[in-house]
Each structure stands twice: as structure tokens, then as C-alpha cells.
Amino acid sequence: MRGNRAKDTAPEMAVRRLLSKLGYRYRLHARDLPGRPDVVFRARRKVIFVHGCFWHQHGCGIGGLPGSNLDYWLPKLLGNVRRDGENRSALTESGWGILVLWECEVADEPRAQMRIRRFLEWFPS
């Protein structure tokens, strides 16, 4: 478990490279925001979370439950999902826009680029 990173994961680094390539300026892991979002755009009041499919239980082919030791894994993974929801609610209530990019989505760069652009270029009236 010690080898599993919370920051600077491969999917997160891919999103950061893509954002730089698109010309966006951002901040990382804002400690003052719920859930410490992976990427923060303060002027736009928008954040991006880059979630691993397994750790946050996406439900795609990558993120299934482990085959053994479910007494340990199930509460841990369900706790992650519950905490994600609480963090999203707190951010939304304080006026922040949220985009969740999943590990499996980041692998498809054109799709990830489209979602990021659509999210960052849309301003509510």
C-alpha cells in the first residue's frame, strides 16, 4: 500500500501535460478545498479530480473489487466513494465547478481533451 501514490499518479501527470499543452494555467492540490482537488483553477472557480478506477470504484473494467480479503477492501473502497460524494457536495455548495476524470478516460487523450475544454470554457450565467 505504501507504493500507491496519492499525488503525481500517471493519470494525473497525463492530465497535467494535456492542460499545459492546451495552454491552461493551474494550481495543484489546494489544501483549503474539500478533497484537495488534483487541479485547481481559482479564477474560474473550477477543479478537476483525477480518480483511479479501482480506488474510487468507477465500475468500468479496471475498477472491480479484489477477489480476496474483502473484509479489508470493501469498507476502504466504499469509504472512498462516500468521501468523494461529500467533497463534491461541499465544493458545489460553495460555488465550485467540478470535473471528475477517470483513469480509463485519461487514456483516450482526444476525449479527455474535449471534456476538459468543454468544462473550462463553459461559464454559467
N, C-alpha and C. Protein backbone atom coordinates (compact mmCIF):
# COMPACT_ATOMS: atom_id res chain seq x y z
N MET A 1 0.82 -1.20 0.00
CA MET A 1 0.00 0.00 0.00
C MET A 1 0.86 1.25 0.00
N ARG A 2 2.05 1.17 0.58
CA ARG A 2 2.92 2.33 0.65
C ARG A 2 3.33 2.79 -0.75
N GLY A 3 3.35 1.87 -1.71
CA GLY A 3 3.75 2.21 -3.06
C GLY A 3 2.67 2.91 -3.86
N ASN A 4 1.45 2.95 -3.35
CA ASN A 4 0.35 3.62 -4.05
C ASN A 4 0.36 5.10 -3.70
N ARG A 5 0.51 5.91 -4.73
CA ARG A 5 0.66 7.34 -4.52
C ARG A 5 -0.70 8.03 -4.42
N ALA A 6 -0.73 9.10 -3.65
CA ALA A 6 -1.93 9.93 -3.58
C ALA A 6 -1.82 11.10 -4.56
N LYS A 7 -0.60 11.51 -4.86
CA LYS A 7 -0.36 12.63 -5.76
C LYS A 7 0.61 12.19 -6.86
N ASP A 8 0.58 12.92 -7.95
CA ASP A 8 1.51 12.70 -9.06
C ASP A 8 1.41 11.29 -9.65
N THR A 9 0.20 10.77 -9.72
CA THR A 9 -0.01 9.46 -10.34
C THR A 9 0.12 9.60 -11.85
N ALA A 10 0.27 8.49 -12.55
CA ALA A 10 0.41 8.53 -14.01
C ALA A 10 -0.79 9.20 -14.68
N PRO A 11 -2.04 8.86 -14.31
CA PRO A 11 -3.17 9.56 -14.94
C PRO A 11 -3.18 11.06 -14.63
N GLU A 12 -2.83 11.43 -13.41
CA GLU A 12 -2.80 12.84 -13.05
C GLU A 12 -1.72 13.58 -13.85
N MET A 13 -0.57 12.98 -14.00
CA MET A 13 0.50 13.60 -14.78
C MET A 13 0.09 13.75 -16.24
N ALA A 14 -0.64 12.78 -16.77
CA ALA A 14 -1.12 12.86 -18.16
C ALA A 14 -2.08 14.03 -18.31
N VAL A 15 -2.97 14.23 -17.34
CA VAL A 15 -3.92 15.35 -17.39
C VAL A 15 -3.15 16.67 -17.30
N ARG A 16 -2.16 16.75 -16.45
CA ARG A 16 -1.38 17.97 -16.30
C ARG A 16 -0.61 18.29 -17.58
N ARG A 17 -0.06 17.28 -18.22
CA ARG A 17 0.63 17.51 -19.50
C ARG A 17 -0.36 18.03 -20.55
N LEU A 18 -1.55 17.43 -20.56
CA LEU A 18 -2.58 17.85 -21.51
C LEU A 18 -3.00 19.29 -21.25
N LEU A 19 -3.20 19.66 -20.00
CA LEU A 19 -3.58 21.03 -19.65
C LEU A 19 -2.50 22.02 -20.08
N SER A 20 -1.25 21.66 -19.87
CA SER A 20 -0.15 22.53 -20.28
C SER A 20 -0.12 22.68 -21.80
N LYS A 21 -0.33 21.56 -22.48
CA LYS A 21 -0.35 21.59 -23.94
C LYS A 21 -1.48 22.48 -24.47
N LEU A 22 -2.60 22.50 -23.76
CA LEU A 22 -3.74 23.32 -24.16
C LEU A 22 -3.57 24.79 -23.74
N GLY A 23 -2.54 25.07 -22.94
CA GLY A 23 -2.26 26.45 -22.55
C GLY A 23 -2.94 26.92 -21.28
N TYR A 24 -3.49 26.02 -20.49
CA TYR A 24 -4.16 26.41 -19.24
C TYR A 24 -3.14 26.51 -18.11
N ARG A 25 -3.35 27.51 -17.24
CA ARG A 25 -2.54 27.68 -16.04
C ARG A 25 -3.37 27.18 -14.86
N TYR A 26 -2.73 26.49 -13.94
CA TYR A 26 -3.46 25.85 -12.84
C TYR A 26 -2.60 25.74 -11.60
N ARG A 27 -3.23 25.39 -10.51
CA ARG A 27 -2.55 25.08 -9.26
C ARG A 27 -2.87 23.64 -8.90
N LEU A 28 -2.05 23.09 -7.99
CA LEU A 28 -2.20 21.68 -7.61
C LEU A 28 -2.60 21.52 -6.16
N HIS A 29 -3.44 20.55 -5.88
CA HIS A 29 -3.73 20.03 -4.54
C HIS A 29 -3.99 21.12 -3.50
N ALA A 30 -5.00 21.93 -3.73
CA ALA A 30 -5.33 23.03 -2.82
C ALA A 30 -5.77 22.47 -1.48
N ARG A 31 -5.00 22.74 -0.47
CA ARG A 31 -5.29 22.21 0.87
C ARG A 31 -6.51 22.86 1.51
N ASP A 32 -6.88 24.04 1.03
CA ASP A 32 -8.01 24.75 1.63
C ASP A 32 -9.36 24.34 1.04
N LEU A 33 -9.35 23.45 0.05
CA LEU A 33 -10.60 23.00 -0.57
C LEU A 33 -10.90 21.56 -0.17
N PRO A 34 -12.18 21.22 -0.02
CA PRO A 34 -12.55 19.85 0.35
C PRO A 34 -12.03 18.84 -0.67
N GLY A 35 -11.39 17.80 -0.18
CA GLY A 35 -10.90 16.72 -1.03
C GLY A 35 -9.56 17.00 -1.69
N ARG A 36 -8.98 18.17 -1.43
CA ARG A 36 -7.72 18.55 -2.07
C ARG A 36 -7.72 18.21 -3.56
N PRO A 37 -8.48 18.94 -4.36
CA PRO A 37 -8.58 18.62 -5.78
C PRO A 37 -7.20 18.54 -6.45
N ASP A 38 -7.09 17.67 -7.44
CA ASP A 38 -5.81 17.46 -8.11
C ASP A 38 -5.38 18.69 -8.89
N VAL A 39 -6.33 19.37 -9.54
CA VAL A 39 -6.03 20.56 -10.34
C VAL A 39 -7.06 21.63 -9.99
N VAL A 40 -6.57 22.85 -9.77
CA VAL A 40 -7.45 23.94 -9.34
C VAL A 40 -7.26 25.14 -10.26
N PHE A 41 -8.39 25.71 -10.70
CA PHE A 41 -8.41 26.94 -11.48
C PHE A 41 -9.17 27.97 -10.65
N ARG A 42 -8.47 28.70 -9.81
CA ARG A 42 -9.12 29.61 -8.85
C ARG A 42 -9.91 30.71 -9.54
N ALA A 43 -9.37 31.32 -10.57
CA ALA A 43 -10.07 32.42 -11.23
C ALA A 43 -11.39 31.96 -11.85
N ARG A 44 -11.43 30.73 -12.31
CA ARG A 44 -12.65 30.18 -12.91
C ARG A 44 -13.54 29.49 -11.87
N ARG A 45 -13.00 29.30 -10.66
CA ARG A 45 -13.68 28.55 -9.60
C ARG A 45 -14.07 27.15 -10.09
N LYS A 46 -13.08 26.48 -10.64
CA LYS A 46 -13.28 25.12 -11.15
C LYS A 46 -12.14 24.23 -10.68
N VAL A 47 -12.48 22.95 -10.47
CA VAL A 47 -11.48 21.98 -10.05
C VAL A 47 -11.63 20.70 -10.86
N ILE A 48 -10.53 19.98 -10.96
CA ILE A 48 -10.54 18.67 -11.62
C ILE A 48 -10.00 17.65 -10.65
N PHE A 49 -10.75 16.57 -10.50
CA PHE A 49 -10.27 15.40 -9.76
C PHE A 49 -9.90 14.34 -10.79
N VAL A 50 -8.74 13.72 -10.63
CA VAL A 50 -8.34 12.61 -11.48
C VAL A 50 -8.40 11.37 -10.59
N HIS A 51 -9.43 10.55 -10.82
CA HIS A 51 -9.67 9.38 -9.97
C HIS A 51 -9.18 8.10 -10.62
N GLY A 52 -8.54 7.27 -9.81
CA GLY A 52 -8.19 5.93 -10.24
C GLY A 52 -9.45 5.07 -10.22
N CYS A 53 -9.64 4.27 -11.25
CA CYS A 53 -10.87 3.47 -11.37
C CYS A 53 -11.02 2.48 -10.23
N PHE A 54 -9.93 1.88 -9.77
CA PHE A 54 -10.02 0.93 -8.67
C PHE A 54 -10.28 1.65 -7.35
N TRP A 55 -9.49 2.65 -7.02
CA TRP A 55 -9.56 3.29 -5.71
C TRP A 55 -10.86 4.04 -5.48
N HIS A 56 -11.49 4.51 -6.56
CA HIS A 56 -12.73 5.27 -6.41
C HIS A 56 -13.92 4.53 -7.02
N GLN A 57 -13.73 3.26 -7.36
CA GLN A 57 -14.79 2.36 -7.80
C GLN A 57 -15.62 2.90 -8.95
N HIS A 58 -14.96 3.08 -10.09
CA HIS A 58 -15.63 3.61 -11.26
C HIS A 58 -16.67 2.65 -11.83
N GLY A 59 -16.39 1.40 -11.87
CA GLY A 59 -17.35 0.46 -12.42
C GLY A 59 -17.03 0.05 -13.84
N CYS A 60 -15.95 0.59 -14.40
CA CYS A 60 -15.51 0.16 -15.73
C CYS A 60 -14.79 -1.19 -15.55
N GLY A 61 -14.15 -1.68 -16.55
CA GLY A 61 -13.45 -2.96 -16.45
C GLY A 61 -12.26 -2.94 -15.51
N ILE A 62 -11.67 -1.77 -15.30
CA ILE A 62 -10.47 -1.66 -14.48
C ILE A 62 -10.81 -1.70 -12.99
N GLY A 63 -11.92 -1.09 -12.60
CA GLY A 63 -12.17 -0.79 -11.19
C GLY A 63 -13.01 -1.76 -10.42
N GLY A 64 -12.89 -3.05 -10.64
CA GLY A 64 -13.69 -4.00 -9.88
C GLY A 64 -13.18 -4.22 -8.47
N LEU A 65 -13.89 -5.05 -7.74
CA LEU A 65 -13.47 -5.40 -6.38
C LEU A 65 -12.40 -6.48 -6.44
N PRO A 66 -11.50 -6.50 -5.47
CA PRO A 66 -10.50 -7.56 -5.42
C PRO A 66 -11.15 -8.90 -5.11
N GLY A 67 -10.47 -9.95 -5.45
CA GLY A 67 -11.03 -11.29 -5.26
C GLY A 67 -10.86 -11.83 -3.86
N SER A 68 -9.98 -11.25 -3.07
CA SER A 68 -9.76 -11.77 -1.72
C SER A 68 -9.69 -10.61 -0.72
N ASN A 69 -9.78 -10.97 0.56
CA ASN A 69 -9.67 -10.02 1.67
C ASN A 69 -10.71 -8.90 1.58
N LEU A 70 -11.93 -9.25 1.23
CA LEU A 70 -12.99 -8.25 1.09
C LEU A 70 -13.34 -7.56 2.40
N ASP A 71 -13.10 -8.24 3.54
CA ASP A 71 -13.37 -7.60 4.83
C ASP A 71 -12.53 -6.34 5.00
N TYR A 72 -11.36 -6.32 4.41
CA TYR A 72 -10.49 -5.16 4.47
C TYR A 72 -10.84 -4.15 3.37
N TRP A 73 -10.96 -4.64 2.12
CA TRP A 73 -11.08 -3.76 0.97
C TRP A 73 -12.43 -3.09 0.83
N LEU A 74 -13.50 -3.80 1.10
CA LEU A 74 -14.83 -3.24 0.86
C LEU A 74 -15.10 -1.97 1.67
N PRO A 75 -14.87 -1.96 2.99
CA PRO A 75 -15.10 -0.71 3.74
C PRO A 75 -14.18 0.43 3.27
N LYS A 76 -12.95 0.07 2.93
CA LYS A 76 -11.99 1.08 2.49
C LYS A 76 -12.45 1.74 1.18
N LEU A 77 -12.82 0.92 0.21
CA LEU A 77 -13.23 1.45 -1.09
C LEU A 77 -14.57 2.18 -1.01
N LEU A 78 -15.52 1.65 -0.26
CA LEU A 78 -16.80 2.32 -0.10
C LEU A 78 -16.64 3.64 0.66
N GLY A 79 -15.69 3.68 1.59
CA GLY A 79 -15.38 4.92 2.29
C GLY A 79 -14.85 5.98 1.34
N ASN A 80 -14.02 5.56 0.38
CA ASN A 80 -13.51 6.49 -0.63
C ASN A 80 -14.67 7.08 -1.44
N VAL A 81 -15.60 6.23 -1.85
CA VAL A 81 -16.73 6.68 -2.66
C VAL A 81 -17.60 7.66 -1.86
N ARG A 82 -17.85 7.33 -0.60
CA ARG A 82 -18.66 8.20 0.27
C ARG A 82 -17.97 9.55 0.45
N ARG A 83 -16.69 9.54 0.74
CA ARG A 83 -15.93 10.77 0.94
C ARG A 83 -15.89 11.61 -0.34
N ASP A 84 -15.77 10.95 -1.51
CA ASP A 84 -15.80 11.68 -2.78
C ASP A 84 -17.10 12.45 -2.92
N GLY A 85 -18.22 11.80 -2.61
CA GLY A 85 -19.52 12.46 -2.70
C GLY A 85 -19.63 13.64 -1.76
N GLU A 86 -19.14 13.49 -0.54
CA GLU A 86 -19.18 14.58 0.44
C GLU A 86 -18.34 15.76 -0.03
N ASN A 87 -17.17 15.46 -0.58
CA ASN A 87 -16.29 16.54 -1.06
C ASN A 87 -16.91 17.26 -2.25
N ARG A 88 -17.51 16.51 -3.18
CA ARG A 88 -18.17 17.13 -4.33
C ARG A 88 -19.32 18.02 -3.87
N SER A 89 -20.10 17.54 -2.92
CA SER A 89 -21.23 18.35 -2.41
C SER A 89 -20.74 19.64 -1.77
N ALA A 90 -19.71 19.55 -0.95
CA ALA A 90 -19.17 20.74 -0.28
C ALA A 90 -18.64 21.75 -1.30
N LEU A 91 -17.96 21.27 -2.33
CA LEU A 91 -17.43 22.17 -3.36
C LEU A 91 -18.56 22.82 -4.15
N THR A 92 -19.55 22.04 -4.53
CA THR A 92 -20.68 22.57 -5.29
C THR A 92 -21.44 23.61 -4.49
N GLU A 93 -21.66 23.34 -3.21
CA GLU A 93 -22.37 24.29 -2.35
C GLU A 93 -21.62 25.60 -2.20
N SER A 94 -20.29 25.56 -2.30
CA SER A 94 -19.52 26.80 -2.20
C SER A 94 -19.23 27.43 -3.56
N GLY A 95 -19.92 26.95 -4.61
CA GLY A 95 -19.85 27.60 -5.90
C GLY A 95 -18.76 27.15 -6.84
N TRP A 96 -18.16 26.01 -6.60
CA TRP A 96 -17.10 25.50 -7.45
C TRP A 96 -17.67 24.54 -8.49
N GLY A 97 -17.14 24.61 -9.71
CA GLY A 97 -17.46 23.65 -10.74
C GLY A 97 -16.50 22.48 -10.63
N ILE A 98 -16.99 21.27 -10.88
CA ILE A 98 -16.19 20.06 -10.67
C ILE A 98 -16.22 19.20 -11.92
N LEU A 99 -15.04 18.71 -12.29
CA LEU A 99 -14.92 17.71 -13.34
C LEU A 99 -14.16 16.53 -12.75
N VAL A 100 -14.72 15.34 -12.89
CA VAL A 100 -14.03 14.13 -12.48
C VAL A 100 -13.58 13.41 -13.74
N LEU A 101 -12.29 13.24 -13.88
CA LEU A 101 -11.71 12.45 -14.97
C LEU A 101 -11.26 11.13 -14.40
N TRP A 102 -11.70 10.06 -15.02
CA TRP A 102 -11.35 8.72 -14.55
C TRP A 102 -10.11 8.23 -15.28
N GLU A 103 -9.39 7.37 -14.61
CA GLU A 103 -8.16 6.78 -15.16
C GLU A 103 -8.38 6.22 -16.56
N CYS A 104 -9.49 5.53 -16.79
CA CYS A 104 -9.77 4.92 -18.09
C CYS A 104 -10.06 5.98 -19.15
N GLU A 105 -10.58 7.14 -18.75
CA GLU A 105 -10.88 8.22 -19.70
C GLU A 105 -9.62 8.96 -20.11
N VAL A 106 -8.68 9.07 -19.20
CA VAL A 106 -7.45 9.81 -19.47
C VAL A 106 -6.65 9.12 -20.57
N ALA A 107 -6.78 7.80 -20.67
CA ALA A 107 -6.05 7.05 -21.69
C ALA A 107 -6.48 7.44 -23.09
N ASP A 108 -7.72 7.90 -23.25
CA ASP A 108 -8.23 8.36 -24.53
C ASP A 108 -8.03 9.88 -24.59
N GLU A 109 -6.85 10.30 -25.05
CA GLU A 109 -6.47 11.71 -24.97
C GLU A 109 -7.43 12.66 -25.71
N PRO A 110 -7.87 12.34 -26.93
CA PRO A 110 -8.79 13.27 -27.60
C PRO A 110 -10.10 13.47 -26.82
N ARG A 111 -10.61 12.40 -26.23
CA ARG A 111 -11.85 12.52 -25.44
C ARG A 111 -11.60 13.34 -24.17
N ALA A 112 -10.48 13.07 -23.50
CA ALA A 112 -10.15 13.82 -22.29
C ALA A 112 -9.97 15.30 -22.62
N GLN A 113 -9.31 15.60 -23.74
CA GLN A 113 -9.11 16.98 -24.16
C GLN A 113 -10.45 17.67 -24.41
N MET A 114 -11.36 16.98 -25.06
CA MET A 114 -12.68 17.55 -25.34
C MET A 114 -13.43 17.85 -24.04
N ARG A 115 -13.41 16.90 -23.10
CA ARG A 115 -14.12 17.10 -21.82
C ARG A 115 -13.52 18.27 -21.04
N ILE A 116 -12.19 18.37 -21.04
CA ILE A 116 -11.53 19.45 -20.30
C ILE A 116 -11.88 20.80 -20.92
N ARG A 117 -11.77 20.90 -22.23
CA ARG A 117 -12.08 22.18 -22.90
C ARG A 117 -13.53 22.58 -22.65
N ARG A 118 -14.43 21.63 -22.81
CA ARG A 118 -15.86 21.92 -22.61
C ARG A 118 -16.11 22.40 -21.18
N PHE A 119 -15.45 21.77 -20.22
CA PHE A 119 -15.62 22.12 -18.81
C PHE A 119 -15.04 23.50 -18.51
N LEU A 120 -13.84 23.77 -18.97
CA LEU A 120 -13.18 25.02 -18.63
C LEU A 120 -13.68 26.22 -19.40
N GLU A 121 -14.22 26.02 -20.58
CA GLU A 121 -14.66 27.15 -21.39
C GLU A 121 -16.12 27.50 -21.17
N TRP A 122 -16.83 26.72 -20.39
CA TRP A 122 -18.23 27.00 -20.10
C TRP A 122 -18.31 27.82 -18.82
N PHE A 123 -18.92 28.98 -18.92
CA PHE A 123 -19.12 29.84 -17.76
C PHE A 123 -20.62 29.98 -17.51
N PRO A 124 -21.09 29.63 -16.32
CA PRO A 124 -22.53 29.81 -16.03
C PRO A 124 -22.89 31.28 -15.99
N SER A 125 -24.10 31.58 -16.40
CA SER A 125 -24.52 33.00 -16.42
C SER A 125 -25.18 33.40 -15.12
